[in-house]
Protein backbone atom coordinates (compact mmCIF):
# COMPACT_ATOMS: atom_id res chain seq x y z
CA MET A 1 0.00 0.00 0.00
CA ILE A 2 2.79 2.41 0.91
CA PHE A 3 4.54 1.55 -2.36
CA PHE A 4 1.50 2.56 -4.41
CA GLN A 5 1.13 5.78 -2.40
CA ILE A 6 4.75 6.64 -3.19
CA LEU A 7 4.14 6.01 -6.90
CA LEU A 8 1.05 8.21 -6.82
CA LEU A 9 2.95 11.02 -5.10
CA ALA A 10 5.82 10.72 -7.58
CA SER A 11 3.41 11.05 -10.48
CA PHE A 12 2.42 14.49 -9.20
CA LEU A 13 5.94 15.66 -8.39
CA MET A 14 7.77 14.42 -11.49
CA PRO A 15 7.61 16.36 -14.75
CA ALA A 16 5.74 14.83 -17.66
CA LEU A 17 7.46 12.03 -19.53
CA ALA A 18 9.36 13.00 -22.65
CA GLY A 19 7.17 13.31 -25.69
CA LYS A 20 5.84 15.49 -28.50
CA PHE A 21 3.34 18.20 -27.64
CA SER A 22 1.32 20.30 -30.10
CA LEU A 23 -0.38 23.58 -29.26
CA PRO A 24 -2.74 25.67 -31.38
CA LEU A 25 -1.22 28.87 -32.74
CA THR A 26 -3.62 31.69 -33.49
CA GLN A 27 -3.19 34.96 -35.34
CA THR A 28 -4.54 38.40 -34.55
CA LYS A 29 -4.79 41.18 -37.12
CA ARG A 30 -3.01 44.29 -35.93
CA SER A 31 -1.65 47.51 -37.39
CA ALA A 32 1.86 48.69 -36.62
CA PRO A 33 1.98 52.49 -36.59
CA ARG A 34 5.28 53.46 -38.17
CA ALA A 35 4.81 57.16 -38.83
CA ARG A 36 5.93 57.87 -35.26
CA SER A 37 7.60 54.70 -34.06
CA SER A 38 7.84 51.02 -34.95
CA PHE A 39 7.79 47.82 -32.99
CA GLU A 40 10.85 46.65 -34.91
CA LYS A 41 12.82 49.62 -33.58
CA ARG A 42 11.50 49.11 -30.05
CA HIS A 43 12.29 45.41 -30.05
CA ASP A 44 15.68 46.06 -28.54
CA GLY A 45 15.04 43.52 -25.82
CA ALA A 46 17.07 45.40 -23.24
CA GLN A 47 16.97 43.16 -20.19
CA LYS A 48 19.02 44.11 -17.21
CA PRO A 49 19.45 43.54 -13.51
CA LEU A 50 18.67 46.45 -11.20
CA ASN A 51 22.16 47.96 -11.49
CA GLY A 52 22.05 48.28 -15.31
CA ASN A 53 20.92 51.37 -17.17
CA SER A 54 21.60 50.63 -20.84
CA LYS A 55 19.24 51.73 -23.57
CA PHE A 56 19.38 50.94 -27.26
CA SER A 57 18.03 52.79 -30.29
CA PHE A 58 17.79 51.95 -33.97
CA ASP A 59 17.64 53.69 -37.30
CA ALA A 60 14.55 54.61 -39.29
CA PRO A 61 13.06 52.12 -41.75
CA LEU A 62 13.34 52.48 -45.52
CA GLU A 63 9.94 54.14 -45.71
CA LYS A 64 10.16 57.65 -44.30
CA PRO A 65 7.36 59.00 -42.07
CA PHE A 66 4.49 60.38 -44.16
CA TYR A 67 1.58 62.50 -43.06
CA SER A 68 -1.59 62.74 -45.13
CA TYR A 69 -3.66 65.85 -44.45
CA GLY A 70 -1.85 66.32 -41.15
CA ILE A 71 -2.92 62.91 -39.82
CA PRO A 72 -0.25 60.37 -38.80
CA VAL A 73 -0.69 57.32 -40.99
CA GLU A 74 -0.33 53.67 -40.11
CA ALA A 75 1.62 51.05 -42.01
CA PRO A 76 0.13 47.86 -43.52
CA ASN A 77 -1.55 45.34 -41.29
CA PHE A 78 0.28 42.32 -40.01
CA PHE A 79 -0.38 39.46 -37.66
CA LEU A 80 0.79 38.66 -34.18
CA TYR A 81 0.85 34.99 -33.19
CA THR A 82 -0.21 33.67 -29.81
CA THR A 83 -0.65 30.42 -27.93
CA ASN A 84 -2.11 29.50 -24.56
CA ILE A 85 0.06 28.85 -21.52
CA SER A 86 -0.54 28.64 -17.79
CA LEU A 87 1.52 29.22 -14.65
CA GLY A 88 1.18 27.84 -11.16
CA THR A 89 -0.76 25.22 -9.24
CA PRO A 90 -3.67 25.34 -9.88
CA PRO A 91 -2.89 26.74 -13.35
CA GLN A 92 -3.47 30.41 -14.17
CA SER A 93 -4.08 30.92 -17.88
CA PHE A 94 -2.45 33.43 -20.23
CA ARG A 95 -2.42 34.04 -23.93
CA ALA A 96 1.23 34.52 -24.85
CA LEU A 97 2.84 36.26 -27.81
CA VAL A 98 5.21 33.83 -29.59
CA ASP A 99 8.58 35.37 -30.45
CA LEU A 100 11.38 33.45 -32.20
CA ASN A 101 13.90 36.12 -31.27
CA TRP A 102 13.27 36.48 -27.55
CA ALA A 103 14.10 34.31 -24.55
CA ASP A 104 12.63 35.52 -21.26
CA LEU A 105 9.11 34.70 -20.11
CA SER A 106 7.20 37.62 -18.60
CA VAL A 107 3.68 38.12 -17.23
CA PRO A 108 1.97 41.00 -15.37
CA SER A 109 1.51 40.56 -11.64
CA LEU A 110 -1.85 40.66 -9.89
CA ASP A 111 -0.77 43.80 -8.02
CA CYS A 112 0.96 45.51 -10.95
CA PHE A 113 0.55 49.19 -11.72
CA CYS A 114 0.30 50.73 -15.18
CA SER A 115 -0.81 54.10 -16.52
CA THR A 116 -3.14 52.27 -18.91
CA GLU A 117 -5.53 49.47 -18.06
CA ARG A 118 -4.25 47.41 -21.00
CA TYR A 119 -1.98 45.31 -18.82
CA CYS A 120 -3.16 45.73 -15.24
CA GLY A 121 -6.84 46.61 -15.55
CA PRO A 122 -9.80 44.46 -14.53
CA GLY A 123 -10.39 41.54 -16.84
CA ASN A 124 -6.77 41.23 -17.94
CA ALA A 125 -4.85 38.04 -17.16
CA THR A 126 -2.44 38.62 -14.27
CA TYR A 127 -0.33 36.29 -12.14
CA ASN A 128 -1.38 35.75 -8.51
CA SER A 129 1.63 34.26 -6.74
CA SER A 130 -0.24 33.74 -3.47
CA ALA A 131 -2.78 31.52 -5.26
CA SER A 132 -0.12 29.06 -6.46
CA SER A 133 1.16 26.33 -4.14
CA THR A 134 4.25 25.84 -6.33
CA HIS A 135 5.33 29.50 -6.50
CA TYR A 136 8.83 30.47 -5.34
CA ASP A 137 9.96 34.08 -4.97
CA ASN A 138 13.48 34.37 -6.32
CA GLY A 139 13.80 37.80 -4.69
CA THR A 140 15.72 39.43 -7.55
CA ILE A 141 14.43 42.74 -8.91
CA THR A 142 14.76 43.22 -12.68
CA GLN A 143 14.12 45.95 -15.19
CA LEU A 144 13.10 44.99 -18.72
CA SER A 145 12.06 46.49 -22.03
CA TYR A 146 10.05 44.68 -24.65
CA GLY A 147 8.12 46.08 -27.58
CA PRO A 148 5.61 48.53 -26.16
CA PHE A 149 6.70 48.74 -22.53
CA ASP A 150 9.41 49.19 -19.93
CA GLY A 151 8.81 47.57 -16.58
CA TRP A 152 10.09 46.51 -13.19
CA ALA A 153 9.62 42.95 -12.01
CA ARG A 154 10.51 40.35 -9.41
CA LEU A 155 11.86 37.04 -10.59
CA SER A 156 9.52 34.20 -9.73
CA GLU A 157 9.64 30.46 -10.28
CA ASP A 158 6.63 28.27 -10.91
CA VAL A 159 5.28 25.40 -12.98
CA LEU A 160 4.79 26.40 -16.63
CA THR A 161 2.17 24.32 -18.44
CA PHE A 162 1.51 24.01 -22.17
CA GLY A 163 -1.76 22.38 -23.15
CA ASP A 164 -2.74 19.32 -21.17
CA GLY A 165 0.55 17.45 -21.00
CA LEU A 166 3.75 19.48 -21.11
CA GLN A 167 4.86 20.88 -17.75
CA VAL A 168 8.10 22.76 -17.10
CA PRO A 169 8.90 22.74 -13.36
CA GLY A 170 10.52 25.76 -11.74
CA GLN A 171 10.43 28.02 -14.80
CA VAL A 172 11.94 31.41 -13.95
CA PHE A 173 10.02 34.43 -15.28
CA HIS A 174 9.53 38.16 -14.81
CA ASP A 175 6.55 38.82 -12.52
CA ILE A 176 5.99 42.43 -13.61
CA LYS A 177 5.01 44.77 -10.80
CA TYR A 178 5.25 48.17 -12.44
CA TYR A 179 5.09 49.35 -16.05
CA SER A 180 7.27 52.44 -15.96
CA TRP A 181 6.59 53.30 -19.60
CA VAL A 182 3.98 52.15 -22.07
CA ASP A 183 3.86 53.24 -25.69
CA TYR A 184 0.21 54.16 -26.07
CA MET A 185 0.48 53.36 -29.78
CA TYR A 186 0.84 49.69 -28.88
CA THR A 187 -1.42 49.21 -25.89
CA ASP A 188 -3.80 47.13 -28.01
CA LEU A 189 -1.14 45.10 -29.79
CA PHE A 190 -0.03 42.55 -27.23
CA ASP A 191 -1.47 39.99 -24.91
CA SER A 192 -0.33 39.84 -21.35
CA ALA A 193 2.49 37.28 -21.64
CA VAL A 194 5.55 37.03 -23.88
CA LEU A 195 6.87 33.56 -24.77
CA GLY A 196 10.38 33.59 -26.18
CA LEU A 197 11.55 30.59 -28.21
CA THR A 198 15.24 31.34 -28.62
CA ILE A 199 17.73 29.58 -26.36
CA ASP A 200 19.00 32.46 -24.25
CA LYS A 201 20.12 35.42 -26.37
CA TYR A 202 18.08 37.90 -28.36
CA TRP A 203 19.27 39.84 -31.37
CA PHE A 204 18.24 43.02 -33.12
CA PRO A 205 19.60 44.42 -36.39
CA SER A 206 22.23 47.09 -35.77
CA ASN A 207 26.00 47.20 -36.12
CA ARG A 208 26.47 49.51 -33.16
CA GLY A 209 27.44 46.58 -31.00
CA PRO A 210 25.31 44.58 -28.57
CA PRO A 211 23.49 46.25 -25.70
CA GLN A 212 25.32 46.24 -22.39
CA SER A 213 22.74 43.84 -21.04
CA GLU A 214 21.00 40.83 -22.52
CA ASN A 215 18.28 38.32 -21.69
CA ILE A 216 19.03 37.14 -18.19
CA LEU A 217 16.76 34.10 -17.84
CA PRO A 218 16.74 30.61 -19.34
CA SER A 219 14.01 30.47 -21.97
CA PRO A 220 11.15 27.99 -21.55
CA PHE A 221 12.55 25.99 -24.47
CA ARG A 222 15.93 25.76 -22.77
CA SER A 223 14.20 24.66 -19.55
CA MET A 224 12.46 21.88 -21.47
CA ILE A 225 15.85 20.72 -22.74
CA GLU A 226 17.48 20.81 -19.30
CA ASN A 227 14.59 18.85 -17.78
CA ASN A 228 14.62 16.19 -20.56
CA LEU A 229 10.96 16.80 -21.33
CA LEU A 230 11.01 16.23 -25.09
CA ASP A 231 11.53 13.28 -27.41
CA GLU A 232 13.82 15.52 -29.45
CA ASN A 233 15.05 18.95 -28.45
CA ILE A 234 13.28 20.70 -31.28
CA PHE A 235 10.16 22.69 -31.91
CA SER A 236 8.28 23.22 -35.16
CA ILE A 237 5.86 25.87 -36.31
CA VAL A 238 3.14 25.93 -38.93
CA TRP A 239 1.98 29.52 -39.10
CA PRO A 240 -1.69 30.40 -39.53
CA SER A 241 -2.49 31.80 -42.95
CA GLU A 242 -5.31 33.46 -44.84
CA THR A 243 -6.63 30.00 -45.76
CA GLN A 244 -5.91 28.34 -42.41
CA GLU A 245 -6.90 30.39 -39.39
CA GLU A 246 -5.14 28.15 -36.86
CA GLY A 247 -1.54 26.96 -37.01
CA SER A 248 0.44 24.84 -34.60
CA LEU A 249 3.46 25.07 -32.31
CA THR A 250 4.89 21.62 -31.61
CA PHE A 251 7.56 20.87 -29.03
CA GLY A 252 9.57 17.66 -29.38
CA GLY A 253 8.96 16.93 -33.06
CA TYR A 254 7.06 17.88 -36.19
CA HIS A 255 4.17 16.53 -38.25
CA GLU A 256 5.58 14.85 -41.34
CA ASP A 257 2.12 14.33 -42.82
CA LEU A 258 1.82 18.10 -43.38
CA LEU A 259 4.89 18.27 -45.59
CA GLU A 260 5.25 18.12 -49.35
CA GLY A 261 8.66 16.77 -50.36
CA GLU A 262 11.94 16.78 -48.49
CA LEU A 263 13.15 19.05 -45.71
CA VAL A 264 15.97 21.50 -46.32
CA SER A 265 18.23 21.74 -43.26
CA LEU A 266 20.61 24.60 -42.58
CA PRO A 267 23.25 24.67 -39.82
CA LEU A 268 23.18 27.49 -37.32
CA PHE A 269 25.79 30.11 -38.04
CA PRO A 270 28.25 30.55 -36.49
CA GLN A 271 28.44 27.16 -34.81
CA ASN A 272 28.54 28.55 -31.25
CA THR A 273 25.48 30.78 -31.63
CA THR A 274 22.46 30.50 -29.34
CA LYS A 275 20.24 32.36 -31.80
CA TRP A 276 18.09 31.04 -34.61
CA GLN A 277 20.29 32.32 -37.44
CA VAL A 278 21.87 30.74 -40.51
CA GLU A 279 24.49 31.66 -43.08
CA LEU A 280 23.47 33.87 -45.97
CA ASP A 281 25.23 33.44 -49.31
CA SER A 282 23.41 35.66 -51.78
CA ILE A 283 20.39 37.73 -52.72
CA SER A 284 19.13 37.92 -56.30
CA MET A 285 16.13 39.09 -58.27
CA ILE A 286 15.07 37.63 -61.62
CA GLY A 287 12.53 39.36 -63.87
CA ASP A 288 11.21 39.23 -67.42
CA ASN A 289 13.01 40.83 -70.35
CA ASP A 290 11.40 42.44 -73.37
CA CYS A 291 11.77 39.28 -75.47
CA GLY A 292 9.79 37.05 -73.12
CA GLY A 293 12.85 35.58 -71.43
CA LYS A 294 14.42 36.17 -68.04
CA LYS A 295 17.05 38.65 -66.91
CA VAL A 296 19.00 39.22 -63.71
CA LEU A 297 17.97 42.45 -61.99
CA VAL A 298 19.87 42.05 -58.72
CA ASP A 299 22.75 39.69 -58.02
CA LYS A 300 24.51 40.26 -54.70
CA SER A 301 26.97 37.71 -53.31
CA ILE A 302 27.54 38.17 -49.58
CA PRO A 303 29.02 34.89 -48.24
CA GLY A 304 29.54 34.70 -44.50
CA SER A 305 26.57 36.97 -43.79
CA LYS A 306 23.73 36.15 -41.39
CA ALA A 307 20.01 35.60 -41.82
CA PHE A 308 17.88 35.90 -38.69
CA PHE A 309 14.34 34.59 -38.26
CA MET A 310 11.92 37.03 -36.62
CA SER A 311 8.24 36.21 -36.14
CA VAL A 312 7.24 39.70 -34.97
CA MET A 313 8.64 41.28 -38.15
CA PRO A 314 5.93 41.72 -40.84
CA PHE A 315 8.61 42.52 -43.44
CA ILE A 316 11.73 41.00 -44.91
CA ALA A 317 14.58 43.40 -44.16
CA PHE A 318 17.70 43.72 -46.30
CA PRO A 319 20.76 45.95 -46.18
CA TYR A 320 19.70 49.43 -47.26
CA THR A 321 21.27 49.49 -50.73
CA ILE A 322 19.92 46.03 -51.58
CA ALA A 323 16.45 46.93 -50.30
CA GLN A 324 16.49 50.05 -52.47
CA SER A 325 17.43 48.04 -55.54
CA LEU A 326 14.80 45.35 -54.91
CA VAL A 327 12.02 47.89 -54.46
CA HIS A 328 13.19 49.82 -57.52
CA HIS A 329 12.84 46.77 -59.77
CA THR A 330 9.26 46.17 -58.63
CA TYR A 331 8.42 49.59 -60.12
CA ALA A 332 6.74 50.44 -56.83
CA TRP A 333 5.71 53.97 -55.98
CA ASN A 334 5.07 55.85 -52.75
CA SER A 335 1.55 55.34 -51.52
CA PRO A 336 -0.52 58.50 -51.05
CA CYS A 337 -2.04 56.83 -48.00
CA GLY A 338 0.98 55.92 -45.92
CA PRO A 339 4.75 55.59 -45.53
CA TYR A 340 5.21 52.54 -47.74
CA PHE A 341 5.64 51.43 -51.34
CA VAL A 342 2.85 49.94 -53.43
CA VAL A 343 2.44 48.18 -56.77
CA ASP A 344 -0.50 47.53 -59.06
CA CYS A 345 -2.51 44.66 -57.58
CA ASP A 346 -3.18 43.31 -61.07
CA ASP A 347 0.54 42.86 -61.69
CA LEU A 348 1.48 40.51 -58.81
CA ALA A 349 1.99 37.51 -61.08
CA SER A 350 4.44 39.44 -63.26
CA LEU A 351 6.60 40.82 -60.43
CA PRO A 352 10.23 39.64 -60.30
CA ASP A 353 11.20 36.66 -58.12
CA ILE A 354 13.45 37.30 -55.13
CA THR A 355 15.81 34.41 -54.39
CA ILE A 356 17.54 34.19 -51.01
CA GLY A 357 20.58 31.93 -51.00
CA LEU A 358 21.02 30.24 -47.63
CA LYS A 359 24.16 28.10 -47.37
CA GLY A 360 23.74 26.54 -50.80
CA HIS A 361 19.94 26.28 -50.65
CA ASN A 362 17.81 28.80 -52.50
CA VAL A 363 14.39 29.97 -51.35
CA THR A 364 12.40 31.90 -53.96
CA LEU A 365 9.73 34.44 -53.09
CA LYS A 366 7.23 35.35 -55.78
CA GLY A 367 5.37 38.61 -55.96
CA GLU A 368 2.38 37.30 -54.04
CA ASP A 369 4.76 36.25 -51.24
CA TYR A 370 6.40 39.63 -50.64
CA VAL A 371 3.38 41.84 -51.45
CA GLN A 372 0.46 42.24 -49.04
CA LYS A 373 -2.97 43.44 -50.14
CA VAL A 374 -4.47 45.94 -47.70
CA GLU A 375 -7.61 48.00 -47.42
CA VAL A 376 -6.89 51.74 -47.32
CA PRO A 377 -8.44 54.18 -44.81
CA GLY A 378 -11.63 55.93 -45.82
CA TYR A 379 -10.08 59.40 -45.79
CA CYS A 380 -7.53 58.44 -48.46
CA ARG A 381 -8.34 59.21 -52.10
CA GLY A 382 -8.04 56.54 -54.73
CA PRO A 383 -8.60 52.76 -54.81
CA ARG A 384 -9.99 51.01 -51.75
CA GLU A 385 -7.18 48.45 -51.87
CA GLU A 386 -3.43 48.76 -52.15
CA CYS A 387 -0.74 46.13 -52.65
CA VAL A 388 2.16 46.92 -50.34
CA VAL A 389 5.71 45.73 -50.95
CA MET A 390 6.74 44.10 -47.65
CA ILE A 391 10.44 44.94 -47.94
CA ASP A 392 12.22 46.96 -45.28
CA SER A 393 15.83 48.01 -44.78
CA LEU A 394 18.61 47.72 -42.24
CA MET A 395 20.29 51.08 -42.27
CA ASP A 396 23.58 50.11 -40.63
CA ASP A 397 24.21 46.46 -41.41
CA GLU A 398 25.50 45.34 -44.82
CA ASN A 399 25.91 41.67 -43.86
CA THR A 400 22.56 40.78 -42.32
CA ILE A 401 19.00 40.17 -43.38
CA VAL A 402 15.89 39.56 -41.30
CA LEU A 403 13.53 36.86 -42.53
CA GLY A 404 10.18 37.98 -41.23
CA MET A 405 6.72 36.61 -41.84
CA PRO A 406 6.65 36.88 -45.67
CA PHE A 407 9.40 34.23 -45.57
CA LEU A 408 8.31 32.20 -42.55
CA LYS A 409 4.66 31.73 -43.46
CA LYS A 410 5.53 29.97 -46.73
CA MET A 411 6.56 26.76 -45.02
CA MET A 412 6.91 24.72 -41.86
CA GLY A 413 9.90 25.73 -39.76
CA ILE A 414 11.76 23.19 -37.60
CA PHE A 415 14.20 24.54 -35.02
CA ASN A 416 16.53 21.78 -33.84
CA TRP A 417 18.82 22.41 -30.88
CA ASP A 418 20.22 18.85 -30.83
CA GLU A 419 21.60 19.15 -34.36
CA LYS A 420 21.98 22.97 -34.27
CA THR A 421 19.92 23.39 -37.44
CA VAL A 422 16.92 25.21 -38.82
CA SER A 423 14.93 23.22 -41.38
CA PHE A 424 12.12 24.17 -43.73
CA GLY A 425 9.61 22.14 -45.66
CA GLU A 426 6.87 23.06 -48.10
CA LEU A 427 3.37 22.53 -46.75
CA LYS A 428 0.81 20.51 -48.66
CA SER A 429 -1.70 23.29 -48.13
CA SER A 430 0.76 26.07 -48.97
CA ASN A 431 -1.33 27.70 -51.69
CA VAL A 432 -2.34 30.95 -50.06
CA LYS A 433 -5.26 32.84 -51.51
CA ASP A 434 -5.38 36.61 -51.66
CA SER A 435 -6.96 38.30 -48.69
CA VAL A 436 -7.79 41.90 -47.93
CA LEU A 437 -6.70 43.18 -44.53
CA PRO A 438 -8.06 46.48 -43.21
CA LEU A 439 -5.57 49.32 -43.00
CA THR A 440 -7.10 50.92 -39.93
CA GLY A 441 -7.61 54.64 -39.80
CA ALA A 442 -9.68 57.41 -38.32
CA GLU A 443 -12.81 56.53 -40.30
CA SER A 444 -12.63 52.90 -39.28
CA GLY A 445 -13.11 53.86 -35.64
CA VAL A 446 -9.46 53.40 -34.62
CA ASP A 447 -7.77 56.38 -33.05
CA TYR A 448 -4.38 57.56 -34.25
CA TRP A 449 -3.27 58.25 -30.70
């Protein structure tokens, strides 16, 4: 009898057996205002202990701020991707923003203070440490910056649960007590929790050198690895699309039945990196010539460069001169409705192909991949739809590109820490139909702040 009681107790205390765990991944339509600031520029990820005071800034995007009739204009819509998590015993539920380029887990505390009710107001998910029997107060005070906020937090440890089966014991996270700054442009953009999927180091495009402080906590994915919770130390993502509203985030494996053809695997670069980045060989653009054949419009060889994967980036970002050349050959023009470039929506099929060479493997983006159809604000003259070229620039860095969602959503991504690789495979249901996303504005009932 005692033996069976011990086994029963052990079943509650031990983490779940190693396995493969799939979670639904949902998308939310949002607009990133870029006439005044941009999430990409704020995604510096400055994380620091109490005695740090570093701050990081970044250059302006390729599209310069534009004001139509004196009204600050928003950029094209994009999606944020979330999944459900819970903390504590009994579990307290949160909807968490999934970020490939972030490590630390953070949630707002029950007793947090914020100038806006977006994070700390009634009805928002907050963490109640006193309600969890497995909570441990680390006692360390931290200051952090992420996207739309700066905050102060206490480090806490508790059971992190994904779905019904995957539990991470003793996950360290920021229990945010005070939001010292909130960008009111973004108070509606994010859910209460941030789930980073990198190992332990973030990255942001700039050649000014790294911030003086970096992520200071082990990411949930790293905690899974250290606790031997997975069949394989990998995770895979199928992103939601216009034809498939729900995607999946799978820890410990991937779903082969969703793939069409073979996987392409790329080693992390350099070998000792803890970021999801691979080696970049080249960037090219191929278009039609006047005789019905093909001609090379851009051909840039940059071996030894880096390509980063960023799920909160709605664009693909290239070095400034390359981005200029790529946009030029699309024959795009400045939109009268916002700070971005547009093309004729009837010409998507005839746009040049962009080929990104990644360590000997080429990935080709067609016009419909790197152009997004949006609905323009009511105050703007002209067509009700615009087709926006989703290409941005890195002002300082000539040896780096950022592969945002126009690249990622084309295929399944498999991020393998055991083999130090990132792999991609074409999805059987990869044919994405055109969709029209609202470009929110004053007449759509959305304030410009």
